[in-house]
Amino acid sequence: MKRKMFGIVTVVALALLVVGIRASRPVPKVLAATCSNALLSGYYGAYSFGSVGQSGWDQVAVFFFDGVGSWNNDAWQMDGGNLGSGSANGSYSLGVSTNGGCQGTISFSGGSIRIVTASSGAEVYALQTSTGDNFIQVLKKQ
């Protein structure tokens, strides 16, 4: 009887140990399910700085992403000391990066910008990749 009781107590103790270890382990976030064009949706305030060609270039803008792959913006910029305004539009695509993050491309007439997202799409960091241009852009969801 003692031997049977010891066996039952041992099995129960081991089961509780396994359940306790499993419950204490953090569950990794799965980003692949949330990294799609739908991650970018709505209005984003943005600022940029760098150079376009040989001149300095700074910009403030409001971007709109439709959640399915299209965007547009209205912007003010200083280009080589000259103030200007304008608008642009194009497409974008997002996908899971090799480290599990969310990255993609914003495309427009004449080039593209590489992007990464943060804070579940509330922030976007961009790097201009056209030849001769060098600027950084930060977008924050409004």
Protein backbone atom coordinates (compact mmCIF):
# COMPACT_ATOMS: atom_id res chain seq x y z
CA MET A 1 0.00 0.00 0.00
CA LYS A 2 2.83 2.40 0.91
CA ARG A 3 4.60 1.56 -2.32
CA LYS A 4 1.44 2.24 -4.39
CA MET A 5 0.85 5.56 -2.57
CA PHE A 6 4.48 6.61 -3.15
CA GLY A 7 4.12 5.86 -6.88
CA ILE A 8 0.93 7.94 -7.16
CA VAL A 9 2.49 10.87 -5.26
CA THR A 10 5.60 10.70 -7.47
CA VAL A 11 3.56 10.75 -10.71
CA VAL A 12 1.42 13.67 -9.47
CA ALA A 13 4.52 15.63 -8.37
CA LEU A 14 6.23 15.11 -11.74
CA ALA A 15 3.08 16.16 -13.60
CA LEU A 16 2.82 19.34 -11.53
CA LEU A 17 6.50 20.06 -12.15
CA VAL A 18 6.09 19.75 -15.93
CA VAL A 19 2.97 21.93 -15.91
CA GLY A 20 4.74 24.54 -13.75
CA ILE A 21 7.79 24.69 -16.02
CA ARG A 22 5.63 24.96 -19.14
CA ALA A 23 3.48 27.73 -17.61
CA SER A 24 6.51 29.77 -16.53
CA ARG A 25 8.08 29.86 -20.01
CA PRO A 26 7.23 32.97 -22.04
CA VAL A 27 5.30 32.35 -25.22
CA PRO A 28 7.13 33.94 -28.18
CA LYS A 29 5.24 36.57 -30.15
CA VAL A 30 4.24 35.49 -33.61
CA LEU A 31 4.69 38.51 -35.87
CA ALA A 32 4.08 36.82 -39.18
CA ALA A 33 0.32 36.86 -38.69
CA THR A 34 0.28 40.63 -38.11
CA CYS A 35 2.83 41.72 -40.70
CA SER A 36 0.73 42.54 -43.74
CA ASN A 37 -0.30 45.65 -45.63
CA ALA A 38 -3.22 45.97 -43.18
CA LEU A 39 -0.70 46.93 -40.47
CA LEU A 40 -0.40 50.41 -42.02
CA SER A 41 -3.78 52.06 -42.04
CA GLY A 42 -4.88 55.64 -41.48
CA TYR A 43 -2.99 58.91 -41.09
CA TYR A 44 0.68 59.29 -40.11
CA GLY A 45 2.59 62.48 -39.37
CA ALA A 46 6.10 62.39 -40.82
CA TYR A 47 9.41 64.22 -40.89
CA SER A 48 12.45 63.64 -43.09
CA PHE A 49 15.99 64.94 -43.29
CA GLY A 50 18.99 64.29 -45.50
CA SER A 51 20.00 65.15 -49.04
CA VAL A 52 18.52 64.78 -52.48
CA GLY A 53 21.24 64.93 -55.09
CA GLN A 54 23.75 67.56 -53.94
CA SER A 55 21.37 69.69 -51.84
CA GLY A 56 20.09 69.44 -48.29
CA TRP A 57 16.50 68.29 -47.98
CA ASP A 58 14.02 68.42 -45.07
CA GLN A 59 10.32 67.61 -45.14
CA VAL A 60 7.21 67.43 -42.97
CA ALA A 61 4.22 65.52 -44.31
CA VAL A 62 0.96 63.77 -43.61
CA PHE A 63 0.72 60.28 -45.10
CA PHE A 64 -2.42 58.20 -45.55
CA PHE A 65 -2.18 54.40 -45.87
CA ASP A 66 -5.32 52.54 -46.99
CA GLY A 67 -4.42 49.19 -45.39
CA VAL A 68 -4.37 47.31 -48.69
CA GLY A 69 -1.24 48.65 -50.42
CA SER A 70 -1.81 52.25 -51.56
CA TRP A 71 -0.67 55.52 -49.96
CA ASN A 72 -0.71 59.26 -50.60
CA ASN A 73 0.74 62.31 -48.85
CA ASP A 74 0.78 66.08 -48.69
CA ALA A 75 4.10 67.66 -47.77
CA TRP A 76 6.14 70.81 -47.19
CA GLN A 77 9.88 70.62 -47.86
CA MET A 78 13.04 72.66 -47.89
CA ASP A 79 15.15 71.64 -50.86
CA GLY A 80 18.49 73.41 -51.15
CA GLY A 81 17.11 76.38 -49.20
CA ASN A 82 13.94 76.65 -51.28
CA LEU A 83 10.54 76.11 -49.65
CA GLY A 84 8.07 74.00 -51.60
CA SER A 85 4.98 71.88 -51.19
CA GLY A 86 3.54 68.96 -53.02
CA SER A 87 1.80 65.64 -52.89
CA ALA A 88 2.67 62.13 -53.95
CA ASN A 89 1.16 58.67 -54.07
CA GLY A 90 2.13 55.11 -54.77
CA SER A 91 2.06 51.60 -53.39
CA TYR A 92 3.56 49.81 -50.42
CA SER A 93 4.10 46.22 -49.32
CA LEU A 94 5.07 44.65 -46.00
CA GLY A 95 6.47 41.25 -45.11
CA VAL A 96 8.19 39.42 -42.28
CA SER A 97 11.95 40.06 -42.04
CA THR A 98 14.53 37.37 -41.32
CA ASN A 99 14.57 38.33 -37.62
CA GLY A 100 10.77 38.15 -37.30
CA GLY A 101 10.15 41.89 -37.58
CA CYS A 102 8.01 43.65 -40.15
CA GLN A 103 9.66 45.41 -43.09
CA GLY A 104 8.82 46.47 -46.60
CA THR A 105 8.93 49.01 -49.38
CA ILE A 106 7.11 52.23 -50.20
CA SER A 107 7.18 52.76 -53.97
CA PHE A 108 6.53 55.96 -55.88
CA SER A 109 7.20 57.45 -59.29
CA GLY A 110 10.99 57.59 -59.56
CA GLY A 111 12.04 55.35 -56.68
CA SER A 112 11.39 53.43 -53.54
CA ILE A 113 11.96 53.68 -49.81
CA ARG A 114 12.84 50.74 -47.53
CA ILE A 115 10.82 50.68 -44.31
CA VAL A 116 10.60 48.87 -40.97
CA THR A 117 7.69 49.11 -38.56
CA ALA A 118 7.60 49.39 -34.77
CA SER A 119 4.96 49.49 -32.05
CA SER A 120 2.52 47.31 -34.03
CA GLY A 121 2.60 49.68 -37.01
CA ALA A 122 2.22 52.90 -35.02
CA GLU A 123 5.74 53.93 -36.09
CA VAL A 124 7.51 53.55 -39.41
CA TYR A 125 11.21 54.21 -40.06
CA ALA A 126 12.31 54.69 -43.64
CA LEU A 127 15.56 54.90 -45.61
CA GLN A 128 15.68 56.35 -49.13
CA THR A 129 17.36 53.91 -51.48
CA SER A 130 17.47 55.77 -54.82
CA THR A 131 20.92 56.43 -56.27
CA GLY A 132 22.28 59.84 -55.22
CA ASP A 133 19.66 60.44 -52.51
CA ASN A 134 20.24 59.91 -48.82
CA PHE A 135 17.54 60.63 -46.29
CA ILE A 136 15.79 59.20 -43.26
CA GLN A 137 12.07 59.45 -42.66
CA VAL A 138 10.06 58.86 -39.45
CA LEU A 139 6.29 58.36 -39.54
CA LYS A 140 4.01 58.20 -36.48
CA LYS A 141 0.37 57.18 -36.49
CA GLN A 142 -2.04 59.98 -35.66
